[in-house]
Structure formats: C-alpha cells, structure tokens
Amino acid sequence: MKSSLVEEGIVKEALPGLTFRVELRGKPDSEVLAHLSGKMRINNIRVLPGDSVLVEMGPDGRRGRIVRRL
C-alpha cells in the first residue's frame, strides 16, 4: 500500500469540474490543483473558497485530491 503525503491548505479558487486551486499552509507561493475525493462527492460535501482542507498530494507535487474539509 502506498503512503501519500497529506498537506493542509486553503481553497483559493473553485474551477469547473469540481477542481480547486489550493494554497498549502506553511509554504508561501505553493499552489496545487486538487479535485474532490469520491467519498466527498457521494456525500455532497460542499467546498467553497476560503475553506481549510486536507489534500493528498500526488507524486509530482502539483496535483492532489481533497480528502477532508476542516
């Protein structure tokens, strides 16, 4: 089983297709494109700009998946 890096961030912008631009906390000028995880889609969890979220980072560090709204 792969271990994935989980970072905390703030949603800066909502984009089409349930994609969001997220700024990572503690790392100025680091933004990632993140999509919603399947469980958040199924349970209709709303994510808006300004929300704090947990993001599972991909191997390239530029894309991720939002797994939890804080």
PDB file of N, CA and C in Angstrom:
ATOM      1  N   MET A   1       0.836  -1.184   0.000  1.00  0.00           N
ATOM      2  CA  MET A   1       0.000   0.000   0.000  1.00  0.00           C
ATOM      3  C   MET A   1       0.878   1.243   0.000  1.00  0.00           C
ATOM      4  N   LYS A   2       0.559   2.197  -0.857  1.00  0.00           N
ATOM      5  CA  LYS A   2       1.348   3.414  -0.967  1.00  0.00           C
ATOM      6  C   LYS A   2       1.042   4.357   0.188  1.00  0.00           C
ATOM      7  N   SER A   3       2.061   5.055   0.658  1.00  0.00           N
ATOM      8  CA  SER A   3       1.821   6.107   1.628  1.00  0.00           C
ATOM      9  C   SER A   3       1.800   7.423   0.864  1.00  0.00           C
ATOM     10  N   SER A   4       0.815   8.258   1.165  1.00  0.00           N
ATOM     11  CA  SER A   4       0.695   9.522   0.443  1.00  0.00           C
ATOM     12  C   SER A   4       0.916  10.679   1.402  1.00  0.00           C
ATOM     13  N   LEU A   5       1.457  11.729   0.883  1.00  0.00           N
ATOM     14  CA  LEU A   5       1.725  12.918   1.663  1.00  0.00           C
ATOM     15  C   LEU A   5       0.436  13.712   1.792  1.00  0.00           C
ATOM     16  N   VAL A   6       0.059  14.051   3.019  1.00  0.00           N
ATOM     17  CA  VAL A   6      -1.152  14.827   3.269  1.00  0.00           C
ATOM     18  C   VAL A   6      -0.744  16.195   3.779  1.00  0.00           C
ATOM     19  N   GLU A   7      -1.243  17.245   3.127  1.00  0.00           N
ATOM     20  CA  GLU A   7      -0.935  18.624   3.482  1.00  0.00           C
ATOM     21  C   GLU A   7      -2.225  19.360   3.806  1.00  0.00           C
ATOM     22  N   GLU A   8      -2.117  20.371   4.645  1.00  0.00           N
ATOM     23  CA  GLU A   8      -3.254  21.225   4.954  1.00  0.00           C
ATOM     24  C   GLU A   8      -3.163  22.463   4.077  1.00  0.00           C
ATOM     25  N   GLY A   9      -4.319  22.935   3.592  1.00  0.00           N
ATOM     26  CA  GLY A   9      -4.311  24.101   2.732  1.00  0.00           C
ATOM     27  C   GLY A   9      -5.621  24.857   2.791  1.00  0.00           C
ATOM     28  N   ILE A  10      -5.665  25.961   2.072  1.00  0.00           N
ATOM     29  CA  ILE A  10      -6.856  26.806   1.989  1.00  0.00           C
ATOM     30  C   ILE A  10      -7.270  26.901   0.528  1.00  0.00           C
ATOM     31  N   VAL A  11      -8.554  26.693   0.266  1.00  0.00           N
ATOM     32  CA  VAL A  11      -9.078  26.772  -1.098  1.00  0.00           C
ATOM     33  C   VAL A  11      -9.077  28.234  -1.530  1.00  0.00           C
ATOM     34  N   LYS A  12      -8.404  28.527  -2.647  1.00  0.00           N
ATOM     35  CA  LYS A  12      -8.326  29.885  -3.169  1.00  0.00           C
ATOM     36  C   LYS A  12      -9.333  30.142  -4.273  1.00  0.00           C
ATOM     37  N   GLU A  13      -9.608  29.116  -5.095  1.00  0.00           N
ATOM     38  CA  GLU A  13     -10.465  29.328  -6.255  1.00  0.00           C
ATOM     39  C   GLU A  13     -11.162  28.024  -6.619  1.00  0.00           C
ATOM     40  N   ALA A  14     -12.431  28.124  -6.975  1.00  0.00           N
ATOM     41  CA  ALA A  14     -13.189  26.977  -7.465  1.00  0.00           C
ATOM     42  C   ALA A  14     -13.176  27.017  -8.992  1.00  0.00           C
ATOM     43  N   LEU A  15     -12.793  25.912  -9.612  1.00  0.00           N
ATOM     44  CA  LEU A  15     -12.698  25.804 -11.063  1.00  0.00           C
ATOM     45  C   LEU A  15     -13.749  24.821 -11.564  1.00  0.00           C
ATOM     46  N   PRO A  16     -14.016  24.787 -12.854  1.00  0.00           N
ATOM     47  CA  PRO A  16     -15.008  23.841 -13.387  1.00  0.00           C
ATOM     48  C   PRO A  16     -14.599  22.391 -13.145  1.00  0.00           C
ATOM     49  N   GLY A  17     -15.587  21.523 -13.057  1.00  0.00           N
ATOM     50  CA  GLY A  17     -15.348  20.088 -12.926  1.00  0.00           C
ATOM     51  C   GLY A  17     -14.931  19.659 -11.529  1.00  0.00           C
ATOM     52  N   LEU A  18     -15.413  20.360 -10.495  1.00  0.00           N
ATOM     53  CA  LEU A  18     -15.070  20.047  -9.091  1.00  0.00           C
ATOM     54  C   LEU A  18     -13.567  20.032  -8.867  1.00  0.00           C
ATOM     55  N   THR A  19     -12.881  20.980  -9.494  1.00  0.00           N
ATOM     56  CA  THR A  19     -11.451  21.165  -9.314  1.00  0.00           C
ATOM     57  C   THR A  19     -11.233  22.474  -8.574  1.00  0.00           C
ATOM     58  N   PHE A  20     -10.227  22.513  -7.733  1.00  0.00           N
ATOM     59  CA  PHE A  20      -9.975  23.677  -6.904  1.00  0.00           C
ATOM     60  C   PHE A  20      -8.499  24.026  -6.923  1.00  0.00           C
ATOM     61  N   ARG A  21      -8.206  25.325  -6.793  1.00  0.00           N
ATOM     62  CA  ARG A  21      -6.832  25.782  -6.603  1.00  0.00           C
ATOM     63  C   ARG A  21      -6.640  25.948  -5.106  1.00  0.00           C
ATOM     64  N   VAL A  22      -5.678  25.225  -4.537  1.00  0.00           N
ATOM     65  CA  VAL A  22      -5.458  25.197  -3.090  1.00  0.00           C
ATOM     66  C   VAL A  22      -4.060  25.715  -2.783  1.00  0.00           C
ATOM     67  N   GLU A  23      -3.979  26.660  -1.834  1.00  0.00           N
ATOM     68  CA  GLU A  23      -2.685  27.169  -1.371  1.00  0.00           C
ATOM     69  C   GLU A  23      -2.311  26.401  -0.114  1.00  0.00           C
ATOM     70  N   LEU A  24      -1.134  25.795  -0.118  1.00  0.00           N
ATOM     71  CA  LEU A  24      -0.695  24.983   1.004  1.00  0.00           C
ATOM     72  C   LEU A  24      -0.242  25.869   2.152  1.00  0.00           C
ATOM     73  N   ARG A  25      -0.605  25.470   3.372  1.00  0.00           N
ATOM     74  CA  ARG A  25      -0.216  26.224   4.556  1.00  0.00           C
ATOM     75  C   ARG A  25       1.248  25.990   4.870  1.00  0.00           C
ATOM     76  N   GLY A  26       1.916  27.037   5.342  1.00  0.00           N
ATOM     77  CA  GLY A  26       3.309  26.920   5.718  1.00  0.00           C
ATOM     78  C   GLY A  26       4.270  26.983   4.553  1.00  0.00           C
ATOM     79  N   LYS A  27       3.738  27.027   3.341  1.00  0.00           N
ATOM     80  CA  LYS A  27       4.583  27.104   2.146  1.00  0.00           C
ATOM     81  C   LYS A  27       4.073  28.251   1.276  1.00  0.00           C
ATOM     82  N   PRO A  28       4.642  29.444   1.435  1.00  0.00           N
ATOM     83  CA  PRO A  28       4.158  30.572   0.633  1.00  0.00           C
ATOM     84  C   PRO A  28       4.396  30.331  -0.861  1.00  0.00           C
ATOM     85  N   ASP A  29       3.493  30.811  -1.655  1.00  0.00           N
ATOM     86  CA  ASP A  29       3.556  30.706  -3.119  1.00  0.00           C
ATOM     87  C   ASP A  29       3.560  29.268  -3.621  1.00  0.00           C
ATOM     88  N   SER A  30       2.949  28.346  -2.872  1.00  0.00           N
ATOM     89  CA  SER A  30       2.837  26.971  -3.369  1.00  0.00           C
ATOM     90  C   SER A  30       1.359  26.641  -3.525  1.00  0.00           C
ATOM     91  N   GLU A  31       0.942  26.491  -4.757  1.00  0.00           N
ATOM     92  CA  GLU A  31      -0.444  26.172  -5.056  1.00  0.00           C
ATOM     93  C   GLU A  31      -0.504  24.849  -5.807  1.00  0.00           C
ATOM     94  N   VAL A  32      -1.578  24.098  -5.562  1.00  0.00           N
ATOM     95  CA  VAL A  32      -1.794  22.841  -6.264  1.00  0.00           C
ATOM     96  C   VAL A  32      -3.207  22.840  -6.834  1.00  0.00           C
ATOM     97  N   LEU A  33      -3.409  22.077  -7.881  1.00  0.00           N
ATOM     98  CA  LEU A  33      -4.747  21.816  -8.402  1.00  0.00           C
ATOM     99  C   LEU A  33      -5.236  20.544  -7.740  1.00  0.00           C
ATOM    100  N   ALA A  34      -6.424  20.608  -7.150  1.00  0.00           N
ATOM    101  CA  ALA A  34      -6.944  19.443  -6.432  1.00  0.00           C
ATOM    102  C   ALA A  34      -8.393  19.184  -6.826  1.00  0.00           C
ATOM    103  N   HIS A  35      -8.749  17.912  -6.914  1.00  0.00           N
ATOM    104  CA  HIS A  35     -10.135  17.537  -7.175  1.00  0.00           C
ATOM    105  C   HIS A  35     -10.711  16.897  -5.915  1.00  0.00           C
ATOM    106  N   LEU A  36     -12.031  16.764  -5.871  1.00  0.00           N
ATOM    107  CA  LEU A  36     -12.686  16.167  -4.708  1.00  0.00           C
ATOM    108  C   LEU A  36     -12.565  14.657  -4.737  1.00  0.00           C
ATOM    109  N   SER A  37     -12.397  14.060  -3.563  1.00  0.00           N
ATOM    110  CA  SER A  37     -12.362  12.606  -3.485  1.00  0.00           C
ATOM    111  C   SER A  37     -13.770  12.053  -3.714  1.00  0.00           C
ATOM    112  N   GLY A  38     -13.838  10.787  -4.035  1.00  0.00           N
ATOM    113  CA  GLY A  38     -15.120  10.146  -4.324  1.00  0.00           C
ATOM    114  C   GLY A  38     -16.090  10.173  -3.161  1.00  0.00           C
ATOM    115  N   LYS A  39     -15.591   9.963  -1.940  1.00  0.00           N
ATOM    116  CA  LYS A  39     -16.469   9.977  -0.762  1.00  0.00           C
ATOM    117  C   LYS A  39     -17.075  11.362  -0.545  1.00  0.00           C
ATOM    118  N   MET A  40     -16.313  12.409  -0.821  1.00  0.00           N
ATOM    119  CA  MET A  40     -16.847  13.764  -0.659  1.00  0.00           C
ATOM    120  C   MET A  40     -17.901  14.062  -1.724  1.00  0.00           C
ATOM    121  N   ARG A  41     -17.722  13.504  -2.924  1.00  0.00           N
ATOM    122  CA  ARG A  41     -18.733  13.683  -3.969  1.00  0.00           C
ATOM    123  C   ARG A  41     -20.016  12.942  -3.617  1.00  0.00           C
ATOM    124  N   ILE A  42     -19.883  11.699  -3.165  1.00  0.00           N
ATOM    125  CA  ILE A  42     -21.053  10.880  -2.832  1.00  0.00           C
ATOM    126  C   ILE A  42     -21.867  11.510  -1.711  1.00  0.00           C
ATOM    127  N   ASN A  43     -21.191  12.045  -0.705  1.00  0.00           N
ATOM    128  CA  ASN A  43     -21.872  12.622   0.457  1.00  0.00           C
ATOM    129  C   ASN A  43     -22.184  14.107   0.304  1.00  0.00           C
ATOM    130  N   ASN A  44     -21.999  14.647  -0.900  1.00  0.00           N
ATOM    131  CA  ASN A  44     -22.319  16.043  -1.214  1.00  0.00           C
ATOM    132  C   ASN A  44     -21.697  17.033  -0.245  1.00  0.00           C
ATOM    133  N   ILE A  45     -20.408  16.847   0.045  1.00  0.00           N
ATOM    134  CA  ILE A  45     -19.683  17.786   0.893  1.00  0.00           C
ATOM    135  C   ILE A  45     -19.338  19.003   0.041  1.00  0.00           C
ATOM    136  N   ARG A  46     -19.786  20.162   0.477  1.00  0.00           N
ATOM    137  CA  ARG A  46     -19.547  21.400  -0.263  1.00  0.00           C
ATOM    138  C   ARG A  46     -18.204  21.996   0.129  1.00  0.00           C
ATOM    139  N   VAL A  47     -17.449  22.432  -0.850  1.00  0.00           N
ATOM    140  CA  VAL A  47     -16.173  23.100  -0.612  1.00  0.00           C
ATOM    141  C   VAL A  47     -16.228  24.442  -1.319  1.00  0.00           C
ATOM    142  N   LEU A  48     -15.961  25.501  -0.566  1.00  0.00           N
ATOM    143  CA  LEU A  48     -16.016  26.853  -1.093  1.00  0.00           C
ATOM    144  C   LEU A  48     -14.673  27.545  -0.915  1.00  0.00           C
ATOM    145  N   PRO A  49     -14.393  28.576  -1.698  1.00  0.00           N
ATOM    146  CA  PRO A  49     -13.162  29.337  -1.486  1.00  0.00           C
ATOM    147  C   PRO A  49     -13.099  29.866  -0.048  1.00  0.00           C
ATOM    148  N   GLY A  50     -11.933  29.712   0.566  1.00  0.00           N
ATOM    149  CA  GLY A  50     -11.745  30.123   1.952  1.00  0.00           C
ATOM    150  C   GLY A  50     -11.793  28.972   2.934  1.00  0.00           C
ATOM    151  N   ASP A  51     -12.273  27.798   2.508  1.00  0.00           N
ATOM    152  CA  ASP A  51     -12.343  26.628   3.387  1.00  0.00           C
ATOM    153  C   ASP A  51     -10.954  26.032   3.600  1.00  0.00           C
ATOM    154  N   SER A  52     -10.715  25.520   4.808  1.00  0.00           N
ATOM    155  CA  SER A  52      -9.499  24.754   5.100  1.00  0.00           C
ATOM    156  C   SER A  52      -9.754  23.305   4.740  1.00  0.00           C
ATOM    157  N   VAL A  53      -8.792  22.683   4.075  1.00  0.00           N
ATOM    158  CA  VAL A  53      -8.954  21.306   3.603  1.00  0.00           C
ATOM    159  C   VAL A  53      -7.665  20.519   3.807  1.00  0.00           C
ATOM    160  N   LEU A  54      -7.792  19.190   3.801  1.00  0.00           N
ATOM    161  CA  LEU A  54      -6.639  18.298   3.759  1.00  0.00           C
ATOM    162  C   LEU A  54      -6.509  17.782   2.333  1.00  0.00           C
ATOM    163  N   VAL A  55      -5.295  17.836   1.803  1.00  0.00           N
ATOM    164  CA  VAL A  55      -5.041  17.444   0.418  1.00  0.00           C
ATOM    165  C   VAL A  55      -4.023  16.323   0.403  1.00  0.00           C
ATOM    166  N   GLU A  56      -4.356  15.200  -0.247  1.00  0.00           N
ATOM    167  CA  GLU A  56      -3.388  14.137  -0.521  1.00  0.00           C
ATOM    168  C   GLU A  56      -2.641  14.542  -1.773  1.00  0.00           C
ATOM    169  N   MET A  57      -1.336  14.653  -1.649  1.00  0.00           N
ATOM    170  CA  MET A  57      -0.515  15.129  -2.758  1.00  0.00           C
ATOM    171  C   MET A  57      -0.153  13.980  -3.694  1.00  0.00           C
ATOM    172  N   GLY A  58      -0.068  14.299  -4.980  1.00  0.00           N
ATOM    173  CA  GLY A  58       0.389  13.344  -5.974  1.00  0.00           C
ATOM    174  C   GLY A  58       1.901  13.279  -5.984  1.00  0.00           C
ATOM    175  N   PRO A  59       2.471  12.353  -6.742  1.00  0.00           N
ATOM    176  CA  PRO A  59       3.923  12.193  -6.765  1.00  0.00           C
ATOM    177  C   PRO A  59       4.661  13.401  -7.357  1.00  0.00           C
ATOM    178  N   ASP A  60       4.001  14.166  -8.226  1.00  0.00           N
ATOM    179  CA  ASP A  60       4.676  15.328  -8.826  1.00  0.00           C
ATOM    180  C   ASP A  60       4.607  16.572  -7.952  1.00  0.00           C
ATOM    181  N   GLY A  61       3.711  16.602  -6.969  1.00  0.00           N
ATOM    182  CA  GLY A  61       3.611  17.739  -6.066  1.00  0.00           C
ATOM    183  C   GLY A  61       2.827  18.912  -6.601  1.00  0.00           C
ATOM    184  N   ARG A  62       2.240  18.772  -7.798  1.00  0.00           N
ATOM    185  CA  ARG A  62       1.463  19.870  -8.383  1.00  0.00           C
ATOM    186  C   ARG A  62      -0.030  19.580  -8.402  1.00  0.00           C
ATOM    187  N   ARG A  63      -0.384  18.328  -8.212  1.00  0.00           N
ATOM    188  CA  ARG A  63      -1.796  17.931  -8.215  1.00  0.00           C
ATOM    189  C   ARG A  63      -2.109  17.159  -6.943  1.00  0.00           C
ATOM    190  N   GLY A  64      -3.391  17.148  -6.582  1.00  0.00           N
ATOM    191  CA  GLY A  64      -3.770  16.443  -5.380  1.00  0.00           C
ATOM    192  C   GLY A  64      -5.256  16.134  -5.353  1.00  0.00           C
ATOM    193  N   ARG A  65      -5.678  15.542  -4.231  1.00  0.00           N
ATOM    194  CA  ARG A  65      -7.075  15.163  -4.026  1.00  0.00           C
ATOM    195  C   ARG A  65      -7.510  15.679  -2.666  1.00  0.00           C
ATOM    196  N   ILE A  66      -8.622  16.417  -2.625  1.00  0.00           N
ATOM    197  CA  ILE A  66      -9.152  16.916  -1.358  1.00  0.00           C
ATOM    198  C   ILE A  66      -9.864  15.761  -0.672  1.00  0.00           C
ATOM    199  N   VAL A  67      -9.395  15.393   0.530  1.00  0.00           N
ATOM    200  CA  VAL A  67      -9.953  14.239   1.234  1.00  0.00           C
ATOM    201  C   VAL A  67     -10.776  14.640   2.457  1.00  0.00           C
ATOM    202  N   ARG A  68     -10.637  15.891   2.926  1.00  0.00           N
ATOM    203  CA  ARG A  68     -11.386  16.297   4.103  1.00  0.00           C
ATOM    204  C   ARG A  68     -11.487  17.812   4.175  1.00  0.00           C
ATOM    205  N   ARG A  69     -12.668  18.291   4.580  1.00  0.00           N
ATOM    206  CA  ARG A  69     -12.836  19.722   4.857  1.00  0.00           C
ATOM    207  C   ARG A  69     -12.728  19.914   6.352  1.00  0.00           C
ATOM    208  N   LEU A  70     -11.913  20.870   6.760  1.00  0.00           N
ATOM    209  CA  LEU A  70     -11.693  21.099   8.190  1.00  0.00           C
ATOM    210  C   LEU A  70     -12.602  22.187   8.737  1.00  0.00           C
TER     211      LEU A  70
END
